[in-house]
């Protein structure tokens, strides 16, 4: 019975370590997401719209 308790404690310890690492990773990832105005830095992604001209090949 003592090995089951040891295994359970090791499993709980491993889960705790993974959870802490995940929380640390997510906190680091969310660090730069505090956009107050919610406006994107990208504006006007499309270039000038021009009509394409197709010509027949001569010769």
PDB file of N, CA and C in Angstrom:
ATOM      1  N   UNK A   1       0.815  -1.198   0.000  1.00  0.00           N
ATOM      2  CA  UNK A   1       0.000   0.000   0.000  1.00  0.00           C
ATOM      3  C   UNK A   1       0.855   1.257   0.000  1.00  0.00           C
ATOM      4  N   UNK A   2       2.040   1.192   0.554  1.00  0.00           N
ATOM      5  CA  UNK A   2       2.874   2.383   0.622  1.00  0.00           C
ATOM      6  C   UNK A   2       3.364   2.798  -0.764  1.00  0.00           C
ATOM      7  N   UNK A   3       3.531   1.842  -1.696  1.00  0.00           N
ATOM      8  CA  UNK A   3       3.967   2.205  -3.044  1.00  0.00           C
ATOM      9  C   UNK A   3       2.865   2.933  -3.790  1.00  0.00           C
ATOM     10  N   UNK A   4       1.607   2.583  -3.528  1.00  0.00           N
ATOM     11  CA  UNK A   4       0.502   3.291  -4.173  1.00  0.00           C
ATOM     12  C   UNK A   4       0.463   4.739  -3.710  1.00  0.00           C
ATOM     13  N   UNK A   5       0.678   4.970  -2.429  1.00  0.00           N
ATOM     14  CA  UNK A   5       0.696   6.340  -1.923  1.00  0.00           C
ATOM     15  C   UNK A   5       1.876   7.110  -2.496  1.00  0.00           C
ATOM     16  N   UNK A   6       3.005   6.440  -2.625  1.00  0.00           N
ATOM     17  CA  UNK A   6       4.187   7.072  -3.206  1.00  0.00           C
ATOM     18  C   UNK A   6       3.962   7.414  -4.670  1.00  0.00           C
ATOM     19  N   UNK A   7       3.329   6.503  -5.403  1.00  0.00           N
ATOM     20  CA  UNK A   7       3.032   6.751  -6.813  1.00  0.00           C
ATOM     21  C   UNK A   7       2.026   7.886  -6.967  1.00  0.00           C
ATOM     22  N   UNK A   8       1.027   7.894  -6.107  1.00  0.00           N
ATOM     23  CA  UNK A   8       0.011   8.948  -6.171  1.00  0.00           C
ATOM     24  C   UNK A   8       0.631  10.301  -5.836  1.00  0.00           C
ATOM     25  N   UNK A   9       1.517  10.314  -4.844  1.00  0.00           N
ATOM     26  CA  UNK A   9       2.169  11.571  -4.472  1.00  0.00           C
ATOM     27  C   UNK A   9       3.073  12.043  -5.596  1.00  0.00           C
ATOM     28  N   UNK A  10       3.779  11.125  -6.247  1.00  0.00           N
ATOM     29  CA  UNK A  10       4.651  11.491  -7.361  1.00  0.00           C
ATOM     30  C   UNK A  10       3.822  12.015  -8.531  1.00  0.00           C
ATOM     31  N   UNK A  11       2.687  11.380  -8.786  1.00  0.00           N
ATOM     32  CA  UNK A  11       1.806  11.827  -9.868  1.00  0.00           C
ATOM     33  C   UNK A  11       1.246  13.214  -9.564  1.00  0.00           C
ATOM     34  N   UNK A  12       0.816  13.435  -8.334  1.00  0.00           N
ATOM     35  CA  UNK A  12       0.292  14.744  -7.948  1.00  0.00           C
ATOM     36  C   UNK A  12       1.366  15.816  -8.042  1.00  0.00           C
ATOM     37  N   UNK A  13       2.575  15.462  -7.643  1.00  0.00           N
ATOM     38  CA  UNK A  13       3.689  16.407  -7.717  1.00  0.00           C
ATOM     39  C   UNK A  13       3.992  16.756  -9.175  1.00  0.00           C
ATOM     40  N   UNK A  14       3.969  15.757 -10.045  1.00  0.00           N
ATOM     41  CA  UNK A  14       4.230  15.975 -11.469  1.00  0.00           C
ATOM     42  C   UNK A  14       3.142  16.861 -12.076  1.00  0.00           C
ATOM     43  N   UNK A  15       1.882  16.580 -11.730  1.00  0.00           N
ATOM     44  CA  UNK A  15       0.776  17.393 -12.231  1.00  0.00           C
ATOM     45  C   UNK A  15       0.911  18.836 -11.770  1.00  0.00           C
ATOM     46  N   UNK A  16       1.318  19.026 -10.503  1.00  0.00           N
ATOM     47  CA  UNK A  16       1.485  20.370  -9.969  1.00  0.00           C
ATOM     48  C   UNK A  16       2.587  21.114 -10.716  1.00  0.00           C
ATOM     49  N   UNK A  17       3.691  20.425 -10.987  1.00  0.00           N
ATOM     50  CA  UNK A  17       4.801  21.056 -11.709  1.00  0.00           C
ATOM     51  C   UNK A  17       4.390  21.450 -13.123  1.00  0.00           C
ATOM     52  N   UNK A  18       3.677  20.553 -13.811  1.00  0.00           N
ATOM     53  CA  UNK A  18       3.217  20.868 -15.162  1.00  0.00           C
ATOM     54  C   UNK A  18       2.233  22.028 -15.152  1.00  0.00           C
ATOM     55  N   UNK A  19       1.331  22.049 -14.169  1.00  0.00           N
ATOM     56  CA  UNK A  19       0.359  23.134 -14.068  1.00  0.00           C
ATOM     57  C   UNK A  19       1.057  24.467 -13.830  1.00  0.00           C
ATOM     58  N   UNK A  20       2.065  24.473 -12.945  1.00  0.00           N
ATOM     59  CA  UNK A  20       2.814  25.701 -12.683  1.00  0.00           C
ATOM     60  C   UNK A  20       3.556  26.165 -13.927  1.00  0.00           C
ATOM     61  N   UNK A  21       4.142  25.228 -14.656  1.00  0.00           N
ATOM     62  CA  UNK A  21       4.863  25.589 -15.878  1.00  0.00           C
ATOM     63  C   UNK A  21       3.905  26.151 -16.924  1.00  0.00           C
ATOM     64  N   UNK A  22       2.731  25.558 -17.036  1.00  0.00           N
ATOM     65  CA  UNK A  22       1.737  26.039 -18.001  1.00  0.00           C
ATOM     66  C   UNK A  22       1.242  27.427 -17.626  1.00  0.00           C
ATOM     67  N   UNK A  23       0.990  27.654 -16.346  1.00  0.00           N
ATOM     68  CA  UNK A  23       0.551  28.973 -15.901  1.00  0.00           C
ATOM     69  C   UNK A  23       1.631  30.026 -16.157  1.00  0.00           C
ATOM     70  N   UNK A  24       2.880  29.653 -15.926  1.00  0.00           N
ATOM     71  CA  UNK A  24       3.992  30.573 -16.178  1.00  0.00           C
ATOM     72  C   UNK A  24       4.080  30.901 -17.671  1.00  0.00           C
ATOM     73  N   UNK A  25       3.933  29.885 -18.500  1.00  0.00           N
ATOM     74  CA  UNK A  25       3.984  30.081 -19.949  1.00  0.00           C
ATOM     75  C   UNK A  25       2.838  30.981 -20.411  1.00  0.00           C
ATOM     76  N   UNK A  26       1.641  30.710 -19.931  1.00  0.00           N
ATOM     77  CA  UNK A  26       0.487  31.511 -20.338  1.00  0.00           C
ATOM     78  C   UNK A  26       0.584  32.936 -19.832  1.00  0.00           C
ATOM     79  N   UNK A  27       1.108  33.133 -18.640  1.00  0.00           N
ATOM     80  CA  UNK A  27       1.267  34.484 -18.107  1.00  0.00           C
ATOM     81  C   UNK A  27       2.278  35.256 -18.942  1.00  0.00           C
ATOM     82  N   UNK A  28       3.338  34.594 -19.379  1.00  0.00           N
ATOM     83  CA  UNK A  28       4.344  35.243 -20.219  1.00  0.00           C
ATOM     84  C   UNK A  28       3.752  35.568 -21.585  1.00  0.00           C
ATOM     85  N   UNK A  29       2.922  34.682 -22.109  1.00  0.00           N
ATOM     86  CA  UNK A  29       2.307  34.884 -23.426  1.00  0.00           C
ATOM     87  C   UNK A  29       1.321  36.046 -23.403  1.00  0.00           C
ATOM     88  N   UNK A  30       0.561  36.176 -22.328  1.00  0.00           N
ATOM     89  CA  UNK A  30      -0.456  37.222 -22.233  1.00  0.00           C
ATOM     90  C   UNK A  30       0.128  38.574 -21.841  1.00  0.00           C
ATOM     91  N   UNK A  31       1.418  38.617 -21.591  1.00  0.00           N
ATOM     92  CA  UNK A  31       2.055  39.841 -21.105  1.00  0.00           C
ATOM     93  C   UNK A  31       1.849  41.023 -22.056  1.00  0.00           C
ATOM     94  N   UNK A  32       1.918  40.808 -23.363  1.00  0.00           N
ATOM     95  CA  UNK A  32       1.825  41.898 -24.321  1.00  0.00           C
ATOM     96  C   UNK A  32       0.447  42.108 -24.897  1.00  0.00           C
ATOM     97  N   UNK A  33      -0.579  41.525 -24.317  1.00  0.00           N
ATOM     98  CA  UNK A  33      -1.918  41.609 -24.890  1.00  0.00           C
ATOM     99  C   UNK A  33      -2.806  42.636 -24.206  1.00  0.00           C
ATOM    100  N   UNK A  34      -2.236  43.581 -23.498  1.00  0.00           N
ATOM    101  CA  UNK A  34      -3.043  44.567 -22.793  1.00  0.00           C
ATOM    102  C   UNK A  34      -3.314  45.757 -23.715  1.00  0.00           C
ATOM    103  N   UNK A  35      -4.036  45.523 -24.794  1.00  0.00           N
ATOM    104  CA  UNK A  35      -4.370  46.592 -25.732  1.00  0.00           C
ATOM    105  C   UNK A  35      -5.567  47.361 -25.180  1.00  0.00           C
ATOM    106  N   UNK A  36      -5.359  48.607 -24.909  1.00  0.00           N
ATOM    107  CA  UNK A  36      -6.425  49.386 -24.298  1.00  0.00           C
ATOM    108  C   UNK A  36      -7.479  49.814 -25.310  1.00  0.00           C
ATOM    109  N   UNK A  37      -7.056  50.221 -26.517  1.00  0.00           N
ATOM    110  CA  UNK A  37      -8.022  50.691 -27.500  1.00  0.00           C
ATOM    111  C   UNK A  37      -8.526  49.578 -28.418  1.00  0.00           C
ATOM    112  N   UNK A  38      -7.833  48.467 -28.487  1.00  0.00           N
ATOM    113  CA  UNK A  38      -8.261  47.358 -29.321  1.00  0.00           C
ATOM    114  C   UNK A  38      -8.064  47.604 -30.795  1.00  0.00           C
ATOM    115  N   UNK A  39      -7.296  48.625 -31.171  1.00  0.00           N
ATOM    116  CA  UNK A  39      -7.069  48.957 -32.568  1.00  0.00           C
ATOM    117  C   UNK A  39      -5.878  48.175 -33.093  1.00  0.00           C
ATOM    118  N   UNK A  40      -5.985  47.689 -34.310  1.00  0.00           N
ATOM    119  CA  UNK A  40      -4.904  46.927 -34.918  1.00  0.00           C
ATOM    120  C   UNK A  40      -3.847  47.859 -35.491  1.00  0.00           C
ATOM    121  N   UNK A  41      -2.622  47.389 -35.546  1.00  0.00           N
ATOM    122  CA  UNK A  41      -1.538  48.176 -36.119  1.00  0.00           C
ATOM    123  C   UNK A  41      -1.549  48.100 -37.640  1.00  0.00           C
ATOM    124  N   UNK A  42      -2.307  47.163 -38.202  1.00  0.00           N
ATOM    125  CA  UNK A  42      -2.345  46.978 -39.647  1.00  0.00           C
ATOM    126  C   UNK A  42      -3.561  47.703 -40.206  1.00  0.00           C
ATOM    127  N   UNK A  43      -3.317  48.620 -41.121  1.00  0.00           N
ATOM    128  CA  UNK A  43      -4.402  49.355 -41.786  1.00  0.00           C
ATOM    129  C   UNK A  43      -4.157  49.334 -43.286  1.00  0.00           C
ATOM    130  N   UNK A  44      -5.214  49.222 -44.063  1.00  0.00           N
ATOM    131  CA  UNK A  44      -5.091  49.287 -45.517  1.00  0.00           C
ATOM    132  C   UNK A  44      -4.227  48.175 -46.080  1.00  0.00           C
ATOM    133  N   UNK A  45      -4.624  46.933 -45.870  1.00  0.00           N
ATOM    134  CA  UNK A  45      -3.795  45.816 -46.310  1.00  0.00           C
ATOM    135  C   UNK A  45      -3.854  45.601 -47.813  1.00  0.00           C
ATOM    136  N   UNK A  46      -4.881  46.098 -48.476  1.00  0.00           N
ATOM    137  CA  UNK A  46      -5.027  45.875 -49.916  1.00  0.00           C
ATOM    138  C   UNK A  46      -4.377  47.006 -50.693  1.00  0.00           C
ATOM    139  N   UNK A  47      -3.727  46.629 -51.788  1.00  0.00           N
ATOM    140  CA  UNK A  47      -3.111  47.623 -52.658  1.00  0.00           C
ATOM    141  C   UNK A  47      -4.159  48.287 -53.529  1.00  0.00           C
ATOM    142  N   UNK A  48      -3.703  49.169 -54.419  1.00  0.00           N
ATOM    143  CA  UNK A  48      -4.615  49.866 -55.319  1.00  0.00           C
ATOM    144  C   UNK A  48      -5.259  48.861 -56.266  1.00  0.00           C
ATOM    145  N   UNK A  49      -6.564  48.970 -56.432  1.00  0.00           N
ATOM    146  CA  UNK A  49      -7.287  48.062 -57.312  1.00  0.00           C
ATOM    147  C   UNK A  49      -7.231  48.610 -58.736  1.00  0.00           C
ATOM    148  N   UNK A  50      -6.588  47.879 -59.630  1.00  0.00           N
ATOM    149  CA  UNK A  50      -6.503  48.287 -61.028  1.00  0.00           C
ATOM    150  C   UNK A  50      -7.125  47.203 -61.888  1.00  0.00           C
ATOM    151  N   UNK A  51      -7.650  47.611 -62.997  1.00  0.00           N
ATOM    152  CA  UNK A  51      -8.262  46.649 -63.911  1.00  0.00           C
ATOM    153  C   UNK A  51      -7.160  45.973 -64.722  1.00  0.00           C
ATOM    154  N   UNK A  52      -7.177  44.650 -64.748  1.00  0.00           N
ATOM    155  CA  UNK A  52      -6.155  43.916 -65.487  1.00  0.00           C
ATOM    156  C   UNK A  52      -6.470  43.955 -66.986  1.00  0.00           C
ATOM    157  N   UNK A  53      -5.437  44.092 -67.757  1.00  0.00           N
ATOM    158  CA  UNK A  53      -5.606  44.195 -69.198  1.00  0.00           C
ATOM    159  C   UNK A  53      -4.947  42.983 -69.854  1.00  0.00           C
ATOM    160  N   UNK A  54      -5.713  42.279 -70.666  1.00  0.00           N
ATOM    161  CA  UNK A  54      -5.195  41.104 -71.367  1.00  0.00           C
ATOM    162  C   UNK A  54      -5.079  41.417 -72.830  1.00  0.00           C
ATOM    163  N   UNK A  55      -3.938  41.139 -73.428  1.00  0.00           N
ATOM    164  CA  UNK A  55      -3.718  41.376 -74.866  1.00  0.00           C
ATOM    165  C   UNK A  55      -3.336  40.069 -75.529  1.00  0.00           C
ATOM    166  N   UNK A  56      -3.750  39.966 -76.789  1.00  0.00           N
ATOM    167  CA  UNK A  56      -3.367  38.778 -77.543  1.00  0.00           C
ATOM    168  C   UNK A  56      -1.917  38.869 -77.959  1.00  0.00           C
ATOM    169  N   UNK A  57      -1.328  37.733 -78.022  1.00  0.00           N
ATOM    170  CA  UNK A  57       0.059  37.677 -78.458  1.00  0.00           C
ATOM    171  C   UNK A  57       0.088  37.815 -79.972  1.00  0.00           C
ATOM    172  N   UNK A  58       0.876  38.740 -80.480  1.00  0.00           N
ATOM    173  CA  UNK A  58       0.953  38.918 -81.926  1.00  0.00           C
ATOM    174  C   UNK A  58       2.308  38.411 -82.418  1.00  0.00           C
ATOM    175  N   UNK A  59       2.244  37.506 -83.360  1.00  0.00           N
ATOM    176  CA  UNK A  59       3.515  37.064 -83.971  1.00  0.00           C
ATOM    177  C   UNK A  59       3.896  35.797 -83.524  1.00  0.00           C
TER     178      UNK A  59
END
